[in-house]
Amino acid sequence: MIPSATDAPAAAARPSRQRPRRADAITLTATGPGGTASTNPIATPRSNASTSSAEQFNCCKYRLSPEAACSDIDGRVGKIPIFATVQPVATMNPTLQRMAPSKTPPSPSGATIAVLFADPDPLVRDAVELHFRAHPTIAAETVATAEQALETFSPSSRYDALVLDVTMPGATELSAQFRTLNRAVIATVPLTDVAAAERLLPDVNTLLLTKPLSMHALERAITVAAHASRLERQLTHLQNIAAQQREQDRRIQEFQQEREQLLEQLEQHKQRFRTAIHDMQNPIANLSALLKELHNRREQLPPWATESIELCTQSVALLQVLIEDVLSATQLDSRPTLQRHQLDVAQLLRSCARRFTAAAERKNIWINVLTPPALPPLEADEYHLTKALDNLISNAIKYTPPGGAVTLEAASDGESIVLRVRDTGVGLTPEDIANAFGEFKRLSSRPTAGEPSTGLGLYIVRRIAELHGGSVHVESPGKGMGSTFTLTIPLHPSS
């Protein structure tokens, strides 16, 4: 039905439902708590204006009206009504001042930026949701109150930035809580209420935007603020790591100083101990000579005195062996310089065997020396190597019962000299084998004739082998089945 002339005023008051002939024939007005704004979503943009498609706004949500009075994102009247930017230069982030308003900078490293948008105006929230719904780099979530925003607050919050209206109740508390996460806070404020922004500025991390908002300016602010916030968090993390490293370095330095002091004190104690042990040699030697003299006159003494002299003689002999072993061990622990020269291994074994002939004869023990026709010369310290062999032979005689045998063997594999001392003695348990070369370690077996044992003899052998770059180990089938000690010394120090 075509309206008559009398219906013209009423028809003029209603919005036309016919398709307009011109692009600027329709104006959209949105009314909400933030005020009233209008737009023509299908108008042809000017050549120098930024454009927004009608799909960016869900126009069916707003009532139509012939009214038209608001600015677009470039400040022009009659275009996009919901947001306009009036940003004071004094409050604008310097980075944003250098950016052109027509292009949104990319997200850092292409990562999605999560934004929490707190604003009491439903039109603003709807427009933000519509604008960022399919945004490639920014994901926005909107809330109407500070209380709703605080409900999403947690130490593990996923948001990179907070955009809030400073006039909203609880805005100051919300911004302060969000800043504890070291996240960016962007404040929006009506152009007529700058005083509210000044109260919030101490809590605002990045910048201040005035309403009505420009979507492009908001995108830029979010991207720059989130990027700056991430960089700040990374910097804080690196600073924390650097502080931890400095603390670790300080502790390591303290530990090193304490270690050096303890080592110095230990060396002083060792030196005093060596001095005391060395000074004991002369008194004990005098006591041994006195006991020997009494032993020679035992026929003139009562039987009880003779028995006491024998016990004292054994104790003094044990002290002499202990002092000698302790001095040898402390000397080896200080890593003395070896006096190396070429040695005839076969001759060395025969000399060691001759020194123990008397001790072996007292227990009716045979000592055998087995060497190949030719052995390469060995570069070693003769004094220390002789000491190691003496300890092994003495140990074999001590733990071999009367009538047994001790065999000395030598061989070469082309790189090392292998020396073996076999006995038919009491043998070793697996536990004895594991502890054989420890310092002051006593084995389960006891010497077969009550000979003195200090628990240092095999430890000294190990230290001498290590000083020569070699090794020592023991094998035993079990208790009562004898033992074999193998000492391996490289032919040359370089090998």
Protein backbone atom coordinates (compact mmCIF):
# COMPACT_ATOMS: atom_id res chain seq x y z
CA MET A 1 0.00 0.00 0.00
CA ILE A 2 1.27 3.45 -0.97
CA PRO A 3 0.90 5.98 1.87
CA SER A 4 -1.18 9.08 1.27
CA ALA A 5 -0.10 12.64 1.83
CA THR A 6 -1.77 12.65 5.23
CA ASP A 7 0.34 9.69 6.28
CA ALA A 8 3.60 11.41 5.34
CA PRO A 9 4.55 12.56 8.86
CA ALA A 10 4.04 9.04 10.26
CA ALA A 11 5.92 7.45 7.41
CA ALA A 12 8.78 9.85 7.86
CA ALA A 13 9.02 8.84 11.51
CA ARG A 14 9.41 5.14 10.63
CA PRO A 15 12.55 3.68 9.11
CA SER A 16 12.16 2.67 5.48
CA ARG A 17 12.18 -1.09 4.76
CA GLN A 18 12.91 -0.61 1.03
CA ARG A 19 16.43 -1.10 -0.39
CA PRO A 20 18.07 2.33 -0.60
CA ARG A 21 19.10 3.72 -3.93
CA ARG A 22 22.27 5.28 -2.56
CA ALA A 23 24.86 3.83 -0.23
CA ASP A 24 24.42 6.68 2.26
CA ALA A 25 20.64 6.35 2.55
CA ILE A 26 20.69 4.25 5.78
CA THR A 27 22.04 5.40 9.14
CA LEU A 28 22.45 3.03 12.12
CA THR A 29 22.18 4.36 15.68
CA ALA A 30 23.42 2.37 18.69
CA THR A 31 22.30 3.45 22.15
CA GLY A 32 23.80 2.15 25.40
CA PRO A 33 25.22 3.20 28.75
CA GLY A 34 28.11 4.83 27.00
CA GLY A 35 25.83 7.13 24.96
CA THR A 36 24.30 7.19 21.49
CA ALA A 37 26.22 6.80 18.26
CA SER A 38 25.25 6.38 14.59
CA THR A 39 26.72 4.88 11.48
CA ASN A 40 26.03 4.04 7.87
CA PRO A 41 27.54 0.54 7.56
CA ILE A 42 27.23 0.35 3.78
CA ALA A 43 28.20 3.87 2.81
CA THR A 44 30.95 4.30 0.27
CA PRO A 45 34.12 5.33 2.09
CA ARG A 46 36.11 8.35 1.11
CA SER A 47 39.41 7.76 -0.59
CA ASN A 48 41.44 8.83 2.46
CA ALA A 49 39.31 7.01 5.08
CA SER A 50 39.77 3.65 6.74
CA THR A 51 36.94 1.23 5.93
CA SER A 52 35.13 -1.47 7.89
CA SER A 53 32.85 -4.06 6.33
CA ALA A 54 29.28 -4.58 7.51
CA GLU A 55 30.21 -8.09 8.59
CA GLN A 56 32.36 -6.58 11.37
CA PHE A 57 29.21 -5.47 13.24
CA ASN A 58 26.08 -7.48 14.00
CA CYS A 59 23.68 -4.74 12.91
CA CYS A 60 20.53 -6.66 13.86
CA LYS A 61 21.33 -6.09 17.51
CA TYR A 62 20.70 -2.34 17.27
CA ARG A 63 17.54 -0.41 16.52
CA LEU A 64 17.37 1.73 13.40
CA SER A 65 16.90 5.46 13.63
CA PRO A 66 17.16 8.36 11.25
CA GLU A 67 19.47 10.05 13.72
CA ALA A 68 23.11 10.39 12.67
CA ALA A 69 25.78 12.03 14.78
CA CYS A 70 29.10 10.38 15.60
CA SER A 71 32.63 10.08 14.28
CA ASP A 72 34.29 7.14 12.55
CA ILE A 73 37.72 5.68 13.30
CA ASP A 74 39.30 8.54 11.41
CA GLY A 75 37.10 11.16 13.13
CA ARG A 76 34.67 11.71 10.23
CA VAL A 77 30.98 12.30 10.91
CA GLY A 78 28.44 9.82 9.48
CA LYS A 79 30.65 6.69 9.63
CA ILE A 80 31.32 3.81 12.10
CA PRO A 81 29.56 5.15 15.22
CA ILE A 82 30.49 2.83 18.02
CA PHE A 83 34.17 3.75 18.43
CA ALA A 84 36.17 6.86 17.74
CA THR A 85 39.63 7.71 19.01
CA VAL A 86 40.64 10.99 20.56
CA GLN A 87 44.03 10.23 22.01
CA PRO A 88 45.91 13.06 23.78
CA VAL A 89 49.54 13.26 22.77
CA ALA A 90 50.60 13.57 26.41
CA THR A 91 49.15 10.15 27.30
CA MET A 92 50.02 8.28 24.13
CA ASN A 93 52.79 5.70 24.24
CA PRO A 94 55.78 7.02 22.19
CA THR A 95 55.85 3.79 20.22
CA LEU A 96 52.25 4.31 19.14
CA GLN A 97 52.93 7.90 18.08
CA ARG A 98 55.31 6.60 15.42
CA MET A 99 52.85 4.00 14.08
CA ALA A 100 50.50 4.70 11.18
CA PRO A 101 46.85 4.21 12.23
CA SER A 102 45.88 2.18 9.17
CA LYS A 103 47.82 -1.04 9.80
CA THR A 104 47.98 -3.35 12.85
CA PRO A 105 51.49 -4.56 13.74
CA PRO A 106 51.95 -8.34 13.83
CA SER A 107 52.02 -10.22 17.12
CA PRO A 108 55.49 -10.99 18.41
CA SER A 109 56.72 -14.31 17.02
CA GLY A 110 53.22 -14.92 15.61
CA ALA A 111 51.92 -15.93 19.04
CA THR A 112 48.29 -15.38 20.02
CA ILE A 113 47.75 -12.54 22.49
CA ALA A 114 45.10 -13.24 25.14
CA VAL A 115 43.32 -10.08 26.32
CA LEU A 116 40.81 -9.58 29.11
CA PHE A 117 38.51 -6.62 28.29
CA ALA A 118 36.63 -5.16 31.28
CA ASP A 119 34.03 -2.53 30.40
CA PRO A 120 30.51 -1.88 31.77
CA ASP A 121 29.17 -0.71 28.39
CA PRO A 122 27.49 -3.66 26.59
CA LEU A 123 27.87 -1.95 23.20
CA VAL A 124 31.61 -1.67 23.72
CA ARG A 125 31.85 -5.31 24.80
CA ASP A 126 29.78 -6.50 21.83
CA ALA A 127 31.84 -4.49 19.40
CA VAL A 128 35.10 -5.82 20.89
CA GLU A 129 33.85 -9.40 20.65
CA LEU A 130 32.76 -8.89 17.05
CA HIS A 131 35.98 -7.20 16.02
CA PHE A 132 38.31 -9.78 17.59
CA ARG A 133 36.15 -12.86 16.97
CA ALA A 134 38.19 -13.99 13.98
CA HIS A 135 41.32 -11.96 14.67
CA PRO A 136 44.47 -13.89 13.65
CA THR A 137 46.64 -12.82 16.58
CA ILE A 138 44.42 -11.40 19.36
CA ALA A 139 41.91 -13.41 21.39
CA ALA A 140 39.65 -11.17 23.49
CA GLU A 141 37.41 -12.12 26.40
CA THR A 142 35.02 -9.53 27.83
CA VAL A 143 33.56 -9.03 31.30
CA ALA A 144 31.19 -6.36 32.60
CA THR A 145 32.52 -5.81 36.13
CA ALA A 146 35.78 -5.80 38.03
CA GLU A 147 34.42 -8.61 40.22
CA GLN A 148 33.98 -10.85 37.17
CA ALA A 149 37.51 -10.01 36.06
CA LEU A 150 38.91 -10.83 39.50
CA GLU A 151 37.24 -14.24 39.36
CA THR A 152 39.46 -15.08 36.40
CA PHE A 153 42.55 -13.82 38.23
CA SER A 154 45.08 -16.44 39.32
CA PRO A 155 48.90 -16.78 39.44
CA SER A 156 48.64 -18.99 36.34
CA SER A 157 46.51 -16.49 34.42
CA ARG A 158 46.79 -16.93 30.67
CA TYR A 159 46.09 -13.28 29.83
CA ASP A 160 48.82 -11.15 28.32
CA ALA A 161 47.02 -7.82 28.79
CA LEU A 162 44.09 -6.21 30.58
CA VAL A 163 42.00 -3.44 29.00
CA LEU A 164 39.72 -1.79 31.56
CA ASP A 165 37.51 1.26 31.92
CA VAL A 166 38.96 3.36 34.74
CA THR A 167 35.50 4.65 35.68
CA MET A 168 34.34 1.12 36.44
CA PRO A 169 33.98 0.34 40.19
CA GLY A 170 36.94 -1.67 41.42
CA ALA A 171 39.19 -0.69 38.50
CA THR A 172 42.09 0.34 40.73
CA GLU A 173 42.10 -2.95 42.65
CA LEU A 174 41.75 -4.95 39.43
CA SER A 175 44.69 -3.21 37.76
CA ALA A 176 46.84 -3.64 40.87
CA GLN A 177 46.01 -7.36 41.07
CA PHE A 178 46.75 -7.83 37.37
CA ARG A 179 50.08 -6.03 37.68
CA THR A 180 51.24 -8.57 40.26
CA LEU A 181 51.38 -11.02 37.35
CA ASN A 182 53.67 -8.63 35.49
CA ARG A 183 51.09 -8.28 32.71
CA ALA A 184 50.26 -5.21 30.65
CA VAL A 185 47.38 -2.96 31.75
CA ILE A 186 45.73 -0.59 29.25
CA ALA A 187 43.31 1.96 30.68
CA THR A 188 40.39 3.43 28.75
CA VAL A 189 38.77 6.62 30.00
CA PRO A 190 36.08 8.95 28.67
CA LEU A 191 37.60 12.12 27.32
CA THR A 192 35.60 14.07 29.92
CA ASP A 193 36.94 12.12 32.92
CA VAL A 194 40.73 12.35 32.67
CA ALA A 195 40.96 12.79 36.46
CA ALA A 196 39.90 9.15 36.90
CA ALA A 197 42.79 8.07 34.71
CA GLU A 198 45.25 10.08 36.79
CA ARG A 199 44.24 8.10 39.88
CA LEU A 200 44.96 4.86 38.03
CA LEU A 201 48.13 5.85 36.20
CA PRO A 202 50.55 4.58 38.91
CA ASP A 203 49.10 1.09 38.35
CA VAL A 204 48.98 1.28 34.55
CA ASN A 205 51.85 -0.47 32.87
CA THR A 206 51.75 0.70 29.28
CA LEU A 207 49.43 3.45 28.12
CA LEU A 208 46.10 5.26 28.35
CA LEU A 209 43.41 5.37 25.66
CA THR A 210 40.51 7.82 25.62
CA LYS A 211 36.97 6.96 24.61
CA PRO A 212 35.38 6.59 22.16
CA LEU A 213 37.89 3.92 21.08
CA SER A 214 39.47 3.28 17.70
CA MET A 215 39.73 -0.43 16.96
CA HIS A 216 42.98 0.04 15.08
CA ALA A 217 44.45 2.06 17.95
CA LEU A 218 43.23 -0.58 20.39
CA GLU A 219 44.83 -3.36 18.35
CA ARG A 220 48.10 -1.48 18.26
CA ALA A 221 47.98 -0.76 21.97
CA ILE A 222 47.27 -4.40 22.82
CA THR A 223 50.00 -5.73 20.53
CA VAL A 224 52.66 -3.29 21.69
CA ALA A 225 51.71 -3.57 25.36
CA ALA A 226 51.62 -7.37 25.30
CA HIS A 227 54.92 -7.49 23.47
CA ALA A 228 56.49 -5.12 25.98
CA SER A 229 55.01 -7.11 28.86
CA ARG A 230 56.40 -10.37 27.49
CA LEU A 231 59.80 -8.80 27.02
CA GLU A 232 59.63 -7.47 30.57
CA ARG A 233 58.77 -10.93 31.91
CA GLN A 234 61.59 -12.47 29.90
CA LEU A 235 63.96 -9.80 31.18
CA THR A 236 62.82 -10.45 34.75
CA HIS A 237 63.29 -14.18 34.22
CA LEU A 238 66.79 -13.65 32.83
CA GLN A 239 67.62 -11.29 35.68
CA ASN A 240 66.45 -13.92 38.16
CA ILE A 241 68.60 -16.53 36.44
CA ALA A 242 71.57 -14.16 36.48
CA ALA A 243 71.00 -13.46 40.17
CA GLN A 244 70.83 -17.17 40.90
CA GLN A 245 74.01 -17.72 38.90
CA ARG A 246 75.76 -14.95 40.82
CA GLU A 247 74.61 -16.52 44.08
CA GLN A 248 75.85 -19.93 42.95
CA ASP A 249 79.18 -18.42 41.90
CA ARG A 250 79.46 -16.73 45.28
CA ARG A 251 78.73 -19.98 47.10
CA ILE A 252 81.16 -21.90 44.92
CA GLN A 253 83.84 -19.33 45.66
CA GLU A 254 83.09 -19.61 49.38
CA PHE A 255 83.23 -23.40 49.18
CA GLN A 256 86.52 -23.23 47.32
CA GLN A 257 87.97 -20.90 49.94
CA GLU A 258 86.72 -23.17 52.72
CA ARG A 259 88.12 -26.19 50.88
CA GLU A 260 91.50 -24.55 50.51
CA GLN A 261 91.51 -23.61 54.18
CA LEU A 262 90.53 -27.15 55.20
CA LEU A 263 93.18 -28.65 52.94
CA GLU A 264 95.75 -26.32 54.41
CA GLN A 265 94.68 -27.25 57.94
CA LEU A 266 94.71 -30.94 57.00
CA GLU A 267 98.21 -30.65 55.61
CA GLN A 268 99.32 -28.94 58.81
CA HIS A 269 97.80 -31.77 60.87
CA LYS A 270 99.48 -34.34 58.65
CA GLN A 271 102.79 -32.61 59.01
CA ARG A 272 102.47 -32.55 62.80
CA PHE A 273 101.41 -36.19 62.76
CA ARG A 274 104.39 -37.19 60.61
CA THR A 275 106.69 -35.26 62.90
CA ALA A 276 105.24 -36.98 65.97
CA ILE A 277 105.48 -40.43 64.39
CA HIS A 278 109.01 -39.78 63.24
CA ASP A 279 110.04 -38.61 66.71
CA MET A 280 108.68 -41.87 68.16
CA GLN A 281 111.18 -43.95 66.22
CA ASN A 282 114.20 -43.26 68.43
CA PRO A 283 112.49 -43.99 71.79
CA ILE A 284 110.99 -47.18 70.41
CA ALA A 285 114.33 -48.21 68.94
CA ASN A 286 115.93 -47.69 72.37
CA LEU A 287 113.16 -49.71 73.99
CA SER A 288 113.66 -52.49 71.46
CA ALA A 289 117.41 -52.57 72.17
CA LEU A 290 116.74 -52.75 75.93
CA LEU A 291 114.29 -55.62 75.49
CA LYS A 292 116.81 -57.46 73.33
CA GLU A 293 119.42 -57.10 76.07
CA LEU A 294 116.97 -58.45 78.66
CA HIS A 295 116.11 -61.31 76.34
CA ASN A 296 119.81 -62.23 76.14
CA ARG A 297 119.88 -62.42 79.97
CA ARG A 298 116.58 -64.27 80.31
CA GLU A 299 118.32 -67.20 82.12
CA GLN A 300 119.06 -64.87 85.02
CA LEU A 301 115.42 -63.70 85.27
CA PRO A 302 112.38 -65.41 86.78
CA PRO A 303 109.96 -67.11 84.37
CA TRP A 304 107.28 -64.42 84.71
CA ALA A 305 109.81 -61.75 83.70
CA THR A 306 110.86 -63.75 80.66
CA GLU A 307 107.24 -64.04 79.53
CA SER A 308 106.70 -60.30 80.01
CA ILE A 309 109.81 -59.53 77.99
CA GLU A 310 108.49 -61.64 75.10
CA LEU A 311 105.14 -59.78 75.13
CA CYS A 312 106.89 -56.40 75.24
CA THR A 313 109.17 -57.41 72.38
CA GLN A 314 106.17 -58.34 70.21
CA SER A 315 104.40 -55.08 71.04
CA VAL A 316 107.49 -53.02 70.25
CA ALA A 317 107.90 -54.86 66.95
CA LEU A 318 104.28 -54.05 66.06
CA LEU A 319 104.85 -50.38 66.92
CA GLN A 320 107.94 -50.27 64.71
CA VAL A 321 106.04 -51.77 61.77
CA LEU A 322 103.12 -49.42 62.34
CA ILE A 323 105.36 -46.35 62.48
CA GLU A 324 107.12 -47.40 59.29
CA ASP A 325 103.83 -48.03 57.47
CA VAL A 326 102.24 -44.77 58.65
CA LEU A 327 105.26 -42.78 57.51
CA SER A 328 105.20 -44.56 54.14
CA ALA A 329 101.46 -43.98 53.68
CA THR A 330 101.62 -40.27 54.55
CA GLN A 331 104.56 -39.83 52.22
CA LEU A 332 102.70 -41.53 49.36
CA ASP A 333 99.55 -39.46 50.01
CA SER A 334 101.60 -36.32 49.40
CA ARG A 335 102.39 -37.68 45.89
CA PRO A 336 106.18 -37.60 45.99
CA THR A 337 108.22 -37.28 42.82
CA LEU A 338 109.29 -40.70 41.60
CA GLN A 339 112.95 -41.34 40.82
CA ARG A 340 112.51 -43.48 37.73
CA HIS A 341 115.23 -45.46 36.05
CA GLN A 342 115.43 -48.75 34.15
CA LEU A 343 115.14 -51.85 36.32
CA ASP A 344 115.91 -55.51 35.71
CA VAL A 345 112.64 -57.07 36.86
CA ALA A 346 113.99 -60.62 37.25
CA GLN A 347 116.89 -59.41 39.40
CA LEU A 348 114.47 -57.30 41.48
CA LEU A 349 112.26 -60.34 42.22
CA ARG A 350 115.25 -62.50 43.23
CA SER A 351 116.53 -59.78 45.58
CA CYS A 352 113.12 -59.49 47.26
CA ALA A 353 112.88 -63.27 47.64
CA ARG A 354 116.31 -63.45 49.34
CA ARG A 355 115.29 -60.84 51.92
CA PHE A 356 112.39 -63.02 53.08
CA THR A 357 114.24 -66.33 53.09
CA ALA A 358 114.72 -66.34 56.87
CA ALA A 359 111.06 -65.49 57.58
CA ALA A 360 109.91 -68.21 55.17
CA GLU A 361 112.26 -70.83 56.69
CA ARG A 362 110.86 -70.20 60.17
CA LYS A 363 107.46 -71.33 58.86
CA ASN A 364 108.85 -73.96 56.47
CA ILE A 365 107.48 -72.06 53.47
CA TRP A 366 109.01 -72.40 50.01
CA ILE A 367 109.61 -69.23 47.96
CA ASN A 368 109.71 -69.78 44.19
CA VAL A 369 110.71 -67.20 41.56
CA LEU A 370 109.48 -67.77 37.98
CA THR A 371 110.60 -65.37 35.23
CA PRO A 372 110.78 -65.72 31.42
CA PRO A 373 114.20 -65.84 29.73
CA ALA A 374 113.95 -62.21 28.66
CA LEU A 375 111.99 -59.31 30.09
CA PRO A 376 112.08 -55.72 28.83
CA PRO A 377 113.55 -53.20 31.29
CA LEU A 378 111.02 -51.36 33.44
CA GLU A 379 111.14 -47.61 34.06
CA ALA A 380 110.13 -47.28 37.71
CA ASP A 381 111.13 -45.98 41.11
CA GLU A 382 113.21 -48.82 42.60
CA TYR A 383 112.66 -47.82 46.24
CA HIS A 384 108.86 -47.64 45.99
CA LEU A 385 108.48 -50.69 43.73
CA THR A 386 110.65 -52.73 46.11
CA LYS A 387 108.45 -51.52 48.98
CA ALA A 388 105.33 -52.73 47.15
CA LEU A 389 106.82 -56.17 46.44
CA ASP A 390 108.07 -56.51 50.02
CA ASN A 391 104.58 -55.81 51.33
CA LEU A 392 103.02 -58.40 49.01
CA ILE A 393 105.61 -61.08 49.87
CA SER A 394 105.39 -60.32 53.59
CA ASN A 395 101.61 -60.51 53.40
CA ALA A 396 101.76 -63.86 51.58
CA ILE A 397 104.10 -65.39 54.20
CA LYS A 398 101.97 -64.07 57.09
CA TYR A 399 98.78 -65.67 55.78
CA THR A 400 100.30 -68.96 54.56
CA PRO A 401 100.39 -71.81 57.06
CA PRO A 402 103.61 -73.76 57.68
CA GLY A 403 104.54 -76.07 54.84
CA GLY A 404 102.97 -73.86 52.19
CA ALA A 405 104.51 -72.05 49.23
CA VAL A 406 104.81 -68.52 47.87
CA THR A 407 105.51 -68.01 44.16
CA LEU A 408 106.79 -64.82 42.51
CA GLU A 409 106.09 -64.46 38.78
CA ALA A 410 106.91 -61.83 36.17
CA ALA A 411 105.63 -61.41 32.62
CA SER A 412 105.16 -58.72 29.97
CA ASP A 413 102.30 -58.02 27.57
CA GLY A 414 104.35 -55.55 25.51
CA GLU A 415 102.99 -52.47 27.27
CA SER A 416 103.29 -53.36 30.95
CA ILE A 417 105.15 -55.58 33.37
CA VAL A 418 102.84 -57.92 35.25
CA LEU A 419 104.08 -59.08 38.66
CA ARG A 420 102.19 -61.80 40.56
CA VAL A 421 102.56 -63.06 44.11
CA ARG A 422 100.75 -66.38 44.64
CA ASP A 423 100.34 -68.17 47.95
CA THR A 424 98.72 -71.33 49.25
CA GLY A 425 97.41 -69.52 52.30
CA VAL A 426 94.08 -68.98 54.01
CA GLY A 427 92.41 -67.28 51.04
CA LEU A 428 89.94 -64.38 50.98
CA THR A 429 86.19 -63.93 51.07
CA PRO A 430 84.40 -61.69 48.51
CA GLU A 431 84.08 -59.04 51.22
CA ASP A 432 87.81 -59.27 51.95
CA ILE A 433 88.57 -58.82 48.23
CA ALA A 434 86.37 -55.69 48.11
CA ASN A 435 88.14 -54.13 51.13
CA ALA A 436 91.65 -55.49 50.63
CA PHE A 437 93.31 -52.25 49.48
CA GLY A 438 91.55 -49.83 51.82
CA GLU A 439 93.36 -47.76 54.43
CA PHE A 440 93.51 -49.44 57.86
CA LYS A 441 91.32 -52.31 56.62
CA ARG A 442 91.49 -55.52 58.62
CA LEU A 443 90.57 -58.73 56.79
CA SER A 444 88.63 -61.65 58.21
CA SER A 445 91.68 -63.94 58.20
CA ARG A 446 94.46 -63.61 60.76
CA PRO A 447 98.21 -64.21 60.30
CA THR A 448 98.97 -67.91 60.81
CA ALA A 449 101.86 -67.36 63.27
CA GLY A 450 100.66 -64.26 65.11
CA GLU A 451 102.70 -61.85 62.98
CA PRO A 452 101.92 -58.15 63.40
CA SER A 453 99.55 -56.52 60.90
CA THR A 454 98.75 -52.82 60.66
CA GLY A 455 96.11 -52.77 57.90
CA LEU A 456 98.25 -50.42 55.80
CA GLY A 457 100.45 -52.80 53.80
CA LEU A 458 98.08 -53.38 50.86
CA TYR A 459 96.98 -49.72 50.88
CA ILE A 460 100.63 -48.73 50.39
CA VAL A 461 100.87 -51.19 47.47
CA ARG A 462 97.85 -49.58 45.82
CA ARG A 463 99.23 -46.06 46.24
CA ILE A 464 102.60 -47.08 44.75
CA ALA A 465 100.86 -48.71 41.78
CA GLU A 466 98.76 -45.58 41.19
CA LEU A 467 101.82 -43.32 41.37
CA HIS A 468 103.38 -45.41 38.58
CA GLY A 469 100.19 -45.22 36.50
CA GLY A 470 99.45 -48.90 37.16
CA SER A 471 97.04 -50.97 39.20
CA VAL A 472 96.81 -53.87 41.63
CA HIS A 473 94.08 -56.43 42.22
CA VAL A 474 93.59 -59.71 44.05
CA GLU A 475 91.92 -63.00 43.18
CA SER A 476 90.99 -65.85 45.49
CA PRO A 477 88.83 -68.95 44.92
CA GLY A 478 87.72 -68.74 48.54
CA LYS A 479 88.69 -69.45 52.10
CA GLY A 480 91.55 -71.93 52.48
CA MET A 481 92.36 -71.87 48.75
CA GLY A 482 95.11 -69.27 48.57
CA SER A 483 95.31 -65.87 46.88
CA THR A 484 96.97 -64.21 43.90
CA PHE A 485 97.96 -60.52 43.98
CA THR A 486 98.68 -58.97 40.55
CA LEU A 487 100.66 -55.74 40.24
CA THR A 488 100.67 -54.11 36.78
CA ILE A 489 103.19 -51.34 36.00
CA PRO A 490 103.49 -49.63 32.56
CA LEU A 491 106.89 -50.16 30.89
CA HIS A 492 107.19 -46.42 30.22
CA PRO A 493 105.60 -43.44 32.02
CA SER A 494 104.01 -42.20 28.78
CA SER A 495 102.04 -45.42 28.35
